[in-house]
C-alpha atoms as a PDB file:
ATOM      1  CA  MET A   1     100.044 110.138  15.940  1.00  0.00           C
ATOM      2  CA  LYS A   2     103.380 109.011  17.382  1.00  0.00           C
ATOM      3  CA  VAL A   3     103.160 106.230  19.983  1.00  0.00           C
ATOM      4  CA  ASP A   4     106.199 104.767  21.760  1.00  0.00           C
ATOM      5  CA  LEU A   5     105.737 101.192  22.951  1.00  0.00           C
ATOM      6  CA  ASP A   6     107.850  98.774  24.906  1.00  0.00           C
ATOM      7  CA  ASP A   7     109.345  96.342  22.359  1.00  0.00           C
ATOM      8  CA  LYS A   8     107.866  93.370  24.242  1.00  0.00           C
ATOM      9  CA  LEU A   9     104.356  94.748  23.692  1.00  0.00           C
ATOM     10  CA  LEU A  10     104.680  95.234  19.934  1.00  0.00           C
ATOM     11  CA  PRO A  11     103.844  91.632  18.934  1.00  0.00           C
ATOM     12  CA  ILE A  12     100.713  91.720  21.091  1.00  0.00           C
ATOM     13  CA  PHE A  13      99.443  94.967  19.588  1.00  0.00           C
ATOM     14  CA  PHE A  14     100.271  93.893  16.038  1.00  0.00           C
ATOM     15  CA  ALA A  15      98.409  90.609  16.570  1.00  0.00           C
ATOM     16  CA  ARG A  16      95.392  92.403  18.021  1.00  0.00           C
ATOM     17  CA  ALA A  17      95.319  94.882  15.128  1.00  0.00           C
ATOM     18  CA  LYS A  18      95.307  91.944  12.684  1.00  0.00           C
ATOM     19  CA  VAL A  19      92.409  90.257  14.526  1.00  0.00           C
ATOM     20  CA  VAL A  20      90.250  93.390  14.335  1.00  0.00           C
ATOM     21  CA  GLN A  21      91.430  93.948  10.738  1.00  0.00           C
ATOM     22  CA  GLN A  22      92.737  97.459  11.261  1.00  0.00           C
ATOM     23  CA  PRO A  23      96.006  99.070  10.189  1.00  0.00           C
ATOM     24  CA  PHE A  24      98.354  99.077  13.173  1.00  0.00           C
ATOM     25  CA  GLU A  25      98.477 102.917  13.433  1.00  0.00           C
ATOM     26  CA  LYS A  26      94.673 103.177  13.217  1.00  0.00           C
ATOM     27  CA  TYR A  27      94.255 100.536  15.923  1.00  0.00           C
ATOM     28  CA  LEU A  28      96.575 102.412  18.291  1.00  0.00           C
ATOM     29  CA  GLN A  29      94.820 105.699  17.590  1.00  0.00           C
ATOM     30  CA  ASP A  30      91.399 104.193  18.351  1.00  0.00           C
ATOM     31  CA  LEU A  31      92.760 102.598  21.523  1.00  0.00           C
ATOM     32  CA  HIS A  32      94.206 105.929  22.615  1.00  0.00           C
ATOM     33  CA  GLN A  33      90.910 107.762  22.016  1.00  0.00           C
ATOM     34  CA  GLN A  34      88.941 105.093  23.868  1.00  0.00           C
ATOM     35  CA  LEU A  35      91.276 105.302  26.858  1.00  0.00           C
ATOM     36  CA  ALA A  36      91.073 109.115  26.918  1.00  0.00           C
ATOM     37  CA  LYS A  37      87.267 108.962  26.794  1.00  0.00           C
ATOM     38  CA  ASN A  38      87.087 106.430  29.632  1.00  0.00           C
ATOM     39  CA  ILE A  39      89.414 108.454  31.847  1.00  0.00           C
ATOM     40  CA  LYS A  40      87.306 111.596  31.382  1.00  0.00           C
ATOM     41  CA  GLU A  41      84.165 109.704  32.352  1.00  0.00           C
ATOM     42  CA  LEU A  42      85.624 108.139  35.504  1.00  0.00           C
ATOM     43  CA  LYS A  43      84.440 110.387  38.334  1.00  0.00           C
ATOM     44  CA  ASN A  44      87.045 109.166  40.816  1.00  0.00           C
ATOM     45  CA  PHE A  45      90.009 109.192  38.447  1.00  0.00           C
ATOM     46  CA  THR A  46      92.905 111.125  40.014  1.00  0.00           C
ATOM     47  CA  ILE A  47      96.641 111.383  39.534  1.00  0.00           C
ATOM     48  CA  SER A  48      98.384 111.340  42.891  1.00  0.00           C
ATOM     49  CA  ILE A  49     101.592 113.131  43.862  1.00  0.00           C
ATOM     50  CA  GLU A  50     103.204 109.701  44.075  1.00  0.00           C
ATOM     51  CA  HIS A  51     102.236 109.007  40.447  1.00  0.00           C
ATOM     52  CA  LYS A  52     103.650 112.335  39.306  1.00  0.00           C
ATOM     53  CA  ILE A  53     106.882 111.754  41.205  1.00  0.00           C
ATOM     54  CA  ALA A  54     107.168 108.274  39.697  1.00  0.00           C
ATOM     55  CA  LEU A  55     106.786 109.712  36.178  1.00  0.00           C
ATOM     56  CA  SER A  56     109.378 112.416  36.862  1.00  0.00           C
ATOM     57  CA  GLN A  57     111.848 109.864  38.166  1.00  0.00           C
ATOM     58  CA  TRP A  58     111.192 107.621  35.159  1.00  0.00           C
ATOM     59  CA  ILE A  59     112.046 110.547  32.848  1.00  0.00           C
ATOM     60  CA  ILE A  60     115.261 111.202  34.786  1.00  0.00           C
ATOM     61  CA  LYS A  61     116.139 107.521  34.477  1.00  0.00           C
ATOM     62  CA  GLN A  62     115.594 107.690  30.710  1.00  0.00           C
ATOM     63  CA  ALA A  63     118.012 110.619  30.578  1.00  0.00           C
ATOM     64  CA  TYR A  64     120.675 108.560  32.322  1.00  0.00           C
ATOM     65  CA  GLN A  65     120.099 105.717  29.880  1.00  0.00           C
ATOM     66  CA  LEU A  66     120.255 108.006  26.833  1.00  0.00           C
ATOM     67  CA  PHE A  67     123.316 110.059  27.739  1.00  0.00           C
ATOM     68  CA  ASP A  68     126.778 109.463  29.121  1.00  0.00           C
ATOM     69  CA  HIS A  69     126.510 110.207  32.851  1.00  0.00           C
ATOM     70  CA  LYS A  70     129.493 112.562  32.637  1.00  0.00           C
ATOM     71  CA  LYS A  71     127.678 114.551  29.935  1.00  0.00           C
ATOM     72  CA  ILE A  72     124.607 115.378  32.058  1.00  0.00           C
ATOM     73  CA  CYS A  73     124.282 118.565  34.087  1.00  0.00           C
ATOM     74  CA  LEU A  74     121.406 119.922  36.133  1.00  0.00           C
ATOM     75  CA  ALA A  75     120.416 123.596  36.262  1.00  0.00           C
ATOM     76  CA  TRP A  76     119.828 124.506  39.916  1.00  0.00           C
ATOM     77  CA  THR A  77     118.610 128.029  40.654  1.00  0.00           C
ATOM     78  CA  GLY A  78     117.923 127.477  44.345  1.00  0.00           C
ATOM     79  CA  GLY A  79     114.188 127.861  43.615  1.00  0.00           C
ATOM     80  CA  LYS A  80     111.460 125.393  44.546  1.00  0.00           C
ATOM     81  CA  ASP A  81     111.126 123.775  41.109  1.00  0.00           C
ATOM     82  CA  SER A  82     114.803 123.126  40.437  1.00  0.00           C
ATOM     83  CA  THR A  83     115.299 121.974  44.033  1.00  0.00           C
ATOM     84  CA  LEU A  84     112.480 119.441  43.575  1.00  0.00           C
ATOM     85  CA  ILE A  85     114.183 118.294  40.351  1.00  0.00           C
ATOM     86  CA  LEU A  86     117.502 117.978  42.152  1.00  0.00           C
ATOM     87  CA  TRP A  87     115.943 115.998  45.012  1.00  0.00           C
ATOM     88  CA  LEU A  88     114.181 113.653  42.562  1.00  0.00           C
ATOM     89  CA  THR A  89     117.444 113.137  40.683  1.00  0.00           C
ATOM     90  CA  LEU A  90     119.307 112.347  43.896  1.00  0.00           C
ATOM     91  CA  GLN A  91     116.708 109.670  44.681  1.00  0.00           C
ATOM     92  CA  VAL A  92     117.157 108.106  41.231  1.00  0.00           C
ATOM     93  CA  VAL A  93     120.944 108.266  41.459  1.00  0.00           C
ATOM     94  CA  LYS A  94     120.929 106.553  44.840  1.00  0.00           C
ATOM     95  CA  LYS A  95     118.515 103.811  43.777  1.00  0.00           C
ATOM     96  CA  GLU A  96     120.080 103.056  40.395  1.00  0.00           C
ATOM     97  CA  GLY A  97     123.726 103.558  41.334  1.00  0.00           C
ATOM     98  CA  TYR A  98     124.283 106.389  38.852  1.00  0.00           C
ATOM     99  CA  SER A  99     126.839 109.138  39.327  1.00  0.00           C
ATOM    100  CA  LEU A 100     125.710 112.529  40.628  1.00  0.00           C
ATOM    101  CA  PRO A 101     124.994 115.068  37.890  1.00  0.00           C
ATOM    102  CA  HIS A 102     127.184 118.134  37.621  1.00  0.00           C
ATOM    103  CA  ILE A 103     125.313 121.220  38.839  1.00  0.00           C
ATOM    104  CA  MET A 104     125.105 124.484  36.886  1.00  0.00           C
ATOM    105  CA  PHE A 105     124.211 127.517  39.010  1.00  0.00           C
ATOM    106  CA  ILE A 106     123.650 130.643  36.918  1.00  0.00           C
ATOM    107  CA  ASN A 107     124.614 133.861  38.698  1.00  0.00           C
ATOM    108  CA  GLU A 108     122.874 136.612  36.752  1.00  0.00           C
ATOM    109  CA  GLY A 109     124.568 139.332  38.804  1.00  0.00           C
ATOM    110  CA  GLN A 110     121.840 140.058  41.354  1.00  0.00           C
ATOM    111  CA  VAL A 111     121.239 136.856  43.299  1.00  0.00           C
ATOM    112  CA  PHE A 112     119.457 136.999  46.649  1.00  0.00           C
ATOM    113  CA  PRO A 113     121.968 136.279  49.447  1.00  0.00           C
ATOM    114  CA  GLU A 114     119.378 133.867  50.869  1.00  0.00           C
ATOM    115  CA  ILE A 115     119.537 131.842  47.649  1.00  0.00           C
ATOM    116  CA  GLN A 116     123.332 131.839  47.659  1.00  0.00           C
ATOM    117  CA  ALA A 117     123.354 130.622  51.262  1.00  0.00           C
ATOM    118  CA  PHE A 118     120.758 127.930  50.504  1.00  0.00           C
ATOM    119  CA  VAL A 119     122.702 126.608  47.514  1.00  0.00           C
ATOM    120  CA  LYS A 120     125.983 126.643  49.434  1.00  0.00           C
ATOM    121  CA  THR A 121     124.502 124.829  52.457  1.00  0.00           C
ATOM    122  CA  TRP A 122     122.675 122.075  50.602  1.00  0.00           C
ATOM    123  CA  GLY A 123     125.304 121.770  47.914  1.00  0.00           C
ATOM    124  CA  LYS A 124     127.733 120.838  50.686  1.00  0.00           C
ATOM    125  CA  LYS A 125     125.271 118.484  52.427  1.00  0.00           C
ATOM    126  CA  TRP A 126     124.480 116.697  49.167  1.00  0.00           C
ATOM    127  CA  ARG A 127     128.163 116.668  48.108  1.00  0.00           C
ATOM    128  CA  LEU A 128     127.467 118.307  44.785  1.00  0.00           C
ATOM    129  CA  LYS A 129     129.930 119.580  42.204  1.00  0.00           C
ATOM    130  CA  ILE A 130     128.643 123.059  41.394  1.00  0.00           C
ATOM    131  CA  SER A 131     129.818 125.397  38.647  1.00  0.00           C
ATOM    132  CA  GLU A 132     128.819 129.042  39.069  1.00  0.00           C
ATOM    133  CA  VAL A 133     128.060 130.343  35.592  1.00  0.00           C
ATOM    134  CA  LYS A 134     128.028 134.082  34.831  1.00  0.00           C
ATOM    135  CA  ASN A 135     128.653 136.600  32.082  1.00  0.00           C
ATOM    136  CA  SER A 136     131.817 138.187  33.472  1.00  0.00           C
ATOM    137  CA  ASP A 137     132.236 140.368  30.393  1.00  0.00           C
ATOM    138  CA  VAL A 138     129.051 142.273  31.265  1.00  0.00           C
ATOM    139  CA  LEU A 139     129.652 142.262  35.018  1.00  0.00           C
ATOM    140  CA  LYS A 140     133.033 143.966  34.745  1.00  0.00           C
ATOM    141  CA  GLN A 141     131.223 147.132  33.624  1.00  0.00           C
ATOM    142  CA  VAL A 142     128.748 147.264  36.506  1.00  0.00           C
ATOM    143  CA  LYS A 143     128.469 147.242  40.287  1.00  0.00           C
ATOM    144  CA  LYS A 144     124.726 147.610  40.797  1.00  0.00           C
ATOM    145  CA  ILE A 145     121.329 147.558  39.064  1.00  0.00           C
ATOM    146  CA  GLY A 146     120.936 150.531  36.720  1.00  0.00           C
ATOM    147  CA  ASP A 147     124.624 150.956  35.906  1.00  0.00           C
ATOM    148  CA  THR A 148     125.286 151.636  32.226  1.00  0.00           C
ATOM    149  CA  VAL A 149     126.611 148.864  29.995  1.00  0.00           C
ATOM    150  CA  VAL A 150     128.291 150.192  26.846  1.00  0.00           C
ATOM    151  CA  VAL A 151     127.740 147.760  23.977  1.00  0.00           C
ATOM    152  CA  SER A 152     131.000 148.618  22.145  1.00  0.00           C
ATOM    153  CA  ARG A 153     132.977 147.677  25.268  1.00  0.00           C
ATOM    154  CA  LEU A 154     131.555 144.157  25.306  1.00  0.00           C
ATOM    155  CA  ASP A 155     133.411 141.297  23.647  1.00  0.00           C
ATOM    156  CA  LYS A 156     132.540 140.222  20.107  1.00  0.00           C
ATOM    157  CA  ARG A 157     130.195 137.418  21.166  1.00  0.00           C
ATOM    158  CA  ASN A 158     128.125 139.614  23.477  1.00  0.00           C
ATOM    159  CA  GLN A 159     127.887 142.323  20.829  1.00  0.00           C
ATOM    160  CA  GLN A 160     126.553 139.731  18.361  1.00  0.00           C
ATOM    161  CA  GLU A 161     124.015 138.567  20.931  1.00  0.00           C
ATOM    162  CA  VAL A 162     122.814 142.135  21.527  1.00  0.00           C
ATOM    163  CA  ARG A 163     122.335 142.600  17.781  1.00  0.00           C
ATOM    164  CA  ARG A 164     120.317 139.355  17.634  1.00  0.00           C
ATOM    165  CA  LEU A 165     117.752 141.034  19.858  1.00  0.00           C
ATOM    166  CA  GLY A 166     117.381 143.928  17.440  1.00  0.00           C
ATOM    167  CA  TYR A 167     118.788 146.290  20.085  1.00  0.00           C
ATOM    168  CA  LYS A 168     120.400 149.275  18.342  1.00  0.00           C
ATOM    169  CA  LYS A 169     121.199 151.677  21.176  1.00  0.00           C
ATOM    170  CA  VAL A 170     124.819 152.267  22.188  1.00  0.00           C
ATOM    171  CA  SER A 171     124.208 151.232  25.789  1.00  0.00           C
ATOM    172  CA  PHE A 172     121.656 149.702  28.140  1.00  0.00           C
ATOM    173  CA  PRO A 173     121.051 149.816  31.905  1.00  0.00           C
ATOM    174  CA  PHE A 174     122.171 146.698  33.741  1.00  0.00           C
ATOM    175  CA  GLU A 175     119.067 144.772  34.800  1.00  0.00           C
ATOM    176  CA  PRO A 176     119.131 140.948  34.742  1.00  0.00           C
ATOM    177  CA  GLU A 177     115.350 140.603  34.314  1.00  0.00           C
ATOM    178  CA  SER A 178     115.090 142.969  31.341  1.00  0.00           C
ATOM    179  CA  TYR A 179     114.945 141.602  27.795  1.00  0.00           C
ATOM    180  CA  VAL A 180     118.602 142.345  27.008  1.00  0.00           C
ATOM    181  CA  GLY A 181     119.799 141.592  30.517  1.00  0.00           C
ATOM    182  CA  ASN A 182     118.010 138.250  30.782  1.00  0.00           C
ATOM    183  CA  HIS A 183     119.446 137.081  27.460  1.00  0.00           C
ATOM    184  CA  LEU A 184     123.035 138.087  28.203  1.00  0.00           C
ATOM    185  CA  MET A 185     123.151 137.149  31.878  1.00  0.00           C
ATOM    186  CA  LYS A 186     121.332 133.816  31.647  1.00  0.00           C
ATOM    187  CA  THR A 187     121.055 132.362  28.143  1.00  0.00           C
ATOM    188  CA  VAL A 188     124.382 133.568  26.779  1.00  0.00           C
ATOM    189  CA  ALA A 189     126.180 132.699  30.019  1.00  0.00           C
ATOM    190  CA  MET A 190     124.710 129.184  29.900  1.00  0.00           C
ATOM    191  CA  ASN A 191     125.476 128.629  26.208  1.00  0.00           C
ATOM    192  CA  ARG A 192     129.089 129.689  26.621  1.00  0.00           C
ATOM    193  CA  TYR A 193     129.418 127.350  29.569  1.00  0.00           C
ATOM    194  CA  LEU A 194     127.927 124.441  27.599  1.00  0.00           C
ATOM    195  CA  GLU A 195     130.302 125.156  24.714  1.00  0.00           C
ATOM    196  CA  LYS A 196     133.261 124.981  27.066  1.00  0.00           C
ATOM    197  CA  SER A 197     132.098 122.022  29.183  1.00  0.00           C
ATOM    198  CA  GLY A 198     130.650 119.861  26.414  1.00  0.00           C
ATOM    199  CA  PHE A 199     127.560 118.723  28.330  1.00  0.00           C
ATOM    200  CA  ALA A 200     125.087 116.936  26.058  1.00  0.00           C
ATOM    201  CA  ALA A 201     122.024 117.123  28.322  1.00  0.00           C
ATOM    202  CA  VAL A 202     120.684 119.743  30.735  1.00  0.00           C
ATOM    203  CA  ILE A 203     117.997 118.841  33.284  1.00  0.00           C
ATOM    204  CA  THR A 204     115.797 121.827  34.161  1.00  0.00           C
ATOM    205  CA  GLY A 205     112.771 122.477  36.360  1.00  0.00           C
ATOM    206  CA  ILE A 206     110.217 124.160  34.112  1.00  0.00           C
ATOM    207  CA  ARG A 207     106.486 123.322  34.197  1.00  0.00           C
ATOM    208  CA  TRP A 208     103.637 123.516  31.696  1.00  0.00           C
ATOM    209  CA  ASP A 209     101.452 125.664  33.939  1.00  0.00           C
ATOM    210  CA  GLU A 210     103.891 128.369  35.005  1.00  0.00           C
ATOM    211  CA  GLN A 211     103.974 130.402  31.785  1.00  0.00           C
ATOM    212  CA  LYS A 212     102.061 130.292  28.493  1.00  0.00           C
ATOM    213  CA  ALA A 213     105.274 130.124  26.474  1.00  0.00           C
ATOM    214  CA  ARG A 214     106.170 126.872  28.242  1.00  0.00           C
ATOM    215  CA  SER A 215     102.781 125.171  27.822  1.00  0.00           C
ATOM    216  CA  THR A 216     103.861 123.268  24.685  1.00  0.00           C
ATOM    217  CA  GLU A 217     107.280 122.189  25.939  1.00  0.00           C
ATOM    218  CA  THR A 218     108.260 118.509  25.714  1.00  0.00           C
ATOM    219  CA  TYR A 219     110.069 116.280  28.189  1.00  0.00           C
ATOM    220  CA  PHE A 220     113.059 115.905  25.864  1.00  0.00           C
ATOM    221  CA  SER A 221     113.775 118.967  23.735  1.00  0.00           C
ATOM    222  CA  LYS A 222     116.723 119.103  21.358  1.00  0.00           C
ATOM    223  CA  ARG A 223     118.454 122.478  21.025  1.00  0.00           C
ATOM    224  CA  GLY A 224     121.218 123.823  18.834  1.00  0.00           C
ATOM    225  CA  ASP A 225     121.952 126.540  16.283  1.00  0.00           C
ATOM    226  CA  LYS A 226     124.691 129.002  15.370  1.00  0.00           C
ATOM    227  CA  PHE A 227     124.624 130.510  18.873  1.00  0.00           C
ATOM    228  CA  THR A 228     123.473 127.505  20.908  1.00  0.00           C
ATOM    229  CA  PRO A 229     125.627 124.375  21.309  1.00  0.00           C
ATOM    230  CA  THR A 230     123.833 121.166  20.393  1.00  0.00           C
ATOM    231  CA  HIS A 231     122.313 119.573  23.486  1.00  0.00           C
ATOM    232  CA  THR A 232     119.033 118.208  24.851  1.00  0.00           C
ATOM    233  CA  ARG A 233     116.925 119.914  27.514  1.00  0.00           C
ATOM    234  CA  ILE A 234     115.225 117.466  29.872  1.00  0.00           C
ATOM    235  CA  HIS A 235     112.124 118.627  31.772  1.00  0.00           C
ATOM    236  CA  PRO A 236     111.028 115.995  34.335  1.00  0.00           C
ATOM    237  CA  ILE A 237     108.351 118.032  36.173  1.00  0.00           C
ATOM    238  CA  LEU A 238     106.414 119.509  33.244  1.00  0.00           C
ATOM    239  CA  HIS A 239     103.264 117.789  34.546  1.00  0.00           C
ATOM    240  CA  PHE A 240     103.453 119.319  38.037  1.00  0.00           C
ATOM    241  CA  SER A 241     101.405 122.362  39.029  1.00  0.00           C
ATOM    242  CA  GLU A 242     102.727 124.971  41.459  1.00  0.00           C
ATOM    243  CA  LYS A 243     100.415 123.570  44.138  1.00  0.00           C
ATOM    244  CA  GLU A 244     101.709 120.044  43.542  1.00  0.00           C
ATOM    245  CA  VAL A 245     105.321 121.205  43.777  1.00  0.00           C
ATOM    246  CA  TRP A 246     104.558 122.463  47.275  1.00  0.00           C
ATOM    247  CA  GLN A 247     102.594 119.330  48.162  1.00  0.00           C
ATOM    248  CA  ALA A 248     105.591 117.180  47.238  1.00  0.00           C
ATOM    249  CA  THR A 249     108.064 119.541  48.914  1.00  0.00           C
ATOM    250  CA  LEU A 250     106.201 119.598  52.218  1.00  0.00           C
ATOM    251  CA  LYS A 251     105.234 115.917  52.212  1.00  0.00           C
ATOM    252  CA  TYR A 252     108.771 114.673  51.595  1.00  0.00           C
ATOM    253  CA  LYS A 253     110.402 117.459  53.630  1.00  0.00           C
ATOM    254  CA  ILE A 254     112.465 118.674  50.698  1.00  0.00           C
ATOM    255  CA  PRO A 255     114.507 121.749  51.707  1.00  0.00           C
ATOM    256  CA  PHE A 256     113.599 125.142  50.228  1.00  0.00           C
ATOM    257  CA  CYS A 257     114.867 128.720  50.382  1.00  0.00           C
ATOM    258  CA  GLU A 258     113.565 130.744  53.343  1.00  0.00           C
ATOM    259  CA  LEU A 259     112.283 133.485  51.008  1.00  0.00           C
ATOM    260  CA  TYR A 260     109.239 131.332  50.247  1.00  0.00           C
ATOM    261  CA  LYS A 261     108.220 131.561  53.903  1.00  0.00           C
ATOM    262  CA  GLN A 262     108.282 135.343  53.594  1.00  0.00           C
ATOM    263  CA  GLY A 263     105.759 135.404  50.735  1.00  0.00           C
ATOM    264  CA  TYR A 264     107.863 135.118  47.574  1.00  0.00           C
ATOM    265  CA  ARG A 265     106.341 132.784  44.974  1.00  0.00           C
ATOM    266  CA  SER A 266     108.881 132.901  42.129  1.00  0.00           C
ATOM    267  CA  LEU A 267     112.505 133.915  42.662  1.00  0.00           C
ATOM    268  CA  GLY A 268     114.377 136.035  40.125  1.00  0.00           C
ATOM    269  CA  ALA A 269     116.884 138.872  40.410  1.00  0.00           C
ATOM    270  CA  LYS A 270     116.890 140.545  43.816  1.00  0.00           C
ATOM    271  CA  GLY A 271     116.259 144.070  42.564  1.00  0.00           C
ATOM    272  CA  THR A 272     113.136 143.236  40.573  1.00  0.00           C
ATOM    273  CA  THR A 273     111.561 140.330  42.469  1.00  0.00           C
ATOM    274  CA  HIS A 274     108.983 141.088  45.154  1.00  0.00           C
ATOM    275  CA  LYS A 275     106.722 139.219  47.533  1.00  0.00           C
ATOM    276  CA  ALA A 276     103.369 138.216  46.078  1.00  0.00           C
ATOM    277  CA  ASP A 277     101.753 138.244  49.528  1.00  0.00           C
ATOM    278  CA  ASN A 278     102.725 138.155  53.196  1.00  0.00           C
ATOM    279  CA  LYS A 279     101.682 134.536  53.635  1.00  0.00           C
ATOM    280  CA  PRO A 280     104.110 131.656  52.955  1.00  0.00           C
ATOM    281  CA  ALA A 281     104.040 130.728  49.276  1.00  0.00           C
ATOM    282  CA  TRP A 282     102.191 127.421  49.812  1.00  0.00           C
ATOM    283  CA  GLU A 283      99.389 129.137  51.771  1.00  0.00           C
ATOM    284  CA  GLN A 284      98.609 131.768  49.134  1.00  0.00           C
ATOM    285  CA  ASP A 285      95.613 131.784  46.819  1.00  0.00           C
ATOM    286  CA  PHE A 286      97.044 130.219  43.656  1.00  0.00           C
ATOM    287  CA  GLN A 287      93.930 131.079  41.658  1.00  0.00           C
ATOM    288  CA  ARG A 288      93.745 134.744  42.646  1.00  0.00           C
ATOM    289  CA  ILE A 289      97.445 135.627  42.772  1.00  0.00           C
ATOM    290  CA  PRO A 290      99.539 134.577  39.721  1.00  0.00           C
ATOM    291  CA  GLU A 291     102.737 132.710  40.551  1.00  0.00           C
ATOM    292  CA  ARG A 292     104.978 135.161  38.705  1.00  0.00           C
ATOM    293  CA  SER A 293     103.195 138.318  39.837  1.00  0.00           C
ATOM    294  CA  GLY A 294     106.283 139.351  41.800  1.00  0.00           C
ATOM    295  CA  ARG A 295     108.535 139.157  38.729  1.00  0.00           C
ATOM    296  CA  ARG A 296     109.320 141.820  36.145  1.00  0.00           C
ATOM    297  CA  GLN A 297     106.403 141.751  33.716  1.00  0.00           C
ATOM    298  CA  ASP A 298     108.034 142.986  30.507  1.00  0.00           C
ATOM    299  CA  LYS A 299     110.225 139.896  30.645  1.00  0.00           C
ATOM    300  CA  GLU A 300     107.145 137.732  31.145  1.00  0.00           C
ATOM    301  CA  GLY A 301     105.509 139.291  28.108  1.00  0.00           C
ATOM    302  CA  LEU A 302     108.559 138.512  25.987  1.00  0.00           C
ATOM    303  CA  MET A 303     109.033 134.964  27.286  1.00  0.00           C
ATOM    304  CA  GLU A 304     108.257 133.365  23.921  1.00  0.00           C
ATOM    305  CA  ASN A 305     110.997 135.436  22.256  1.00  0.00           C
ATOM    306  CA  LEU A 306     113.432 134.618  25.047  1.00  0.00           C
ATOM    307  CA  ARG A 307     112.729 130.895  24.723  1.00  0.00           C
ATOM    308  CA  LYS A 308     113.367 131.032  20.974  1.00  0.00           C
ATOM    309  CA  LEU A 309     116.730 132.560  21.811  1.00  0.00           C
ATOM    310  CA  GLY A 310     117.506 129.645  24.121  1.00  0.00           C
ATOM    311  CA  TYR A 311     116.183 130.708  27.523  1.00  0.00           C
ATOM    312  CA  MET A 312     114.882 127.907  29.754  1.00  0.00           C
END
């Protein structure tokens, strides 16, 4: 079991382990198990939104201490999760005197105009430096969803990426939420941007509960291979649930895209994202209606494969 301790606490724990005549690692393991048991038995034990926010901000602070501030970027989609992440980061930056992170906005080719307007408005209010990232090589072949993309007309890098997926057809219909489309329009676009910009850390807004493939993610996740530039993904709100994201958003009056008022729960490409219900997102039945029910489901089923390829 790996346990990270504040250096100032190490002498105390070593001394205690010696008193009880246990190897240091065994002592920590027993202490951990005892604590876990006690917490489960405490009927009134709860973790408040304030506690979760404090942990998220602590993780963001660690990122700023681990990486050069100029080498950190934040992936902002305009959705509720990444907007919460951005707001939390702005609070940390203001309190600690850090520089604002550079913002990466991925345009997969079919962005809701409401999202574009939201990002433009609040990007200006928060004085953010935003880079719009897109796969222009694919987009030059298409004008709308369903248009044909001929693989041989793509550049060498995109052709390699298509082959990585095991896709052998000569063309594919343009659709950002499909398996091929998602990889090219999001992951490949992001990786090429990171290669060019040299960012060493990317802060993203994924959560443990939103998708099975993300349930084992860690707060700091190193990435890098032949196709992915070496960098670290930082996930400060892994421990939030969808309900808690809305509790924090509403309590602290964090801005959000108007589409959530209309019944959208999870925002993807315009052509394949639909309302989950007619109620505002935060008023819907989270147990009965899955968060990503309005998203393209073949992509959801292949999420584990997409994450192995570098998707967030």
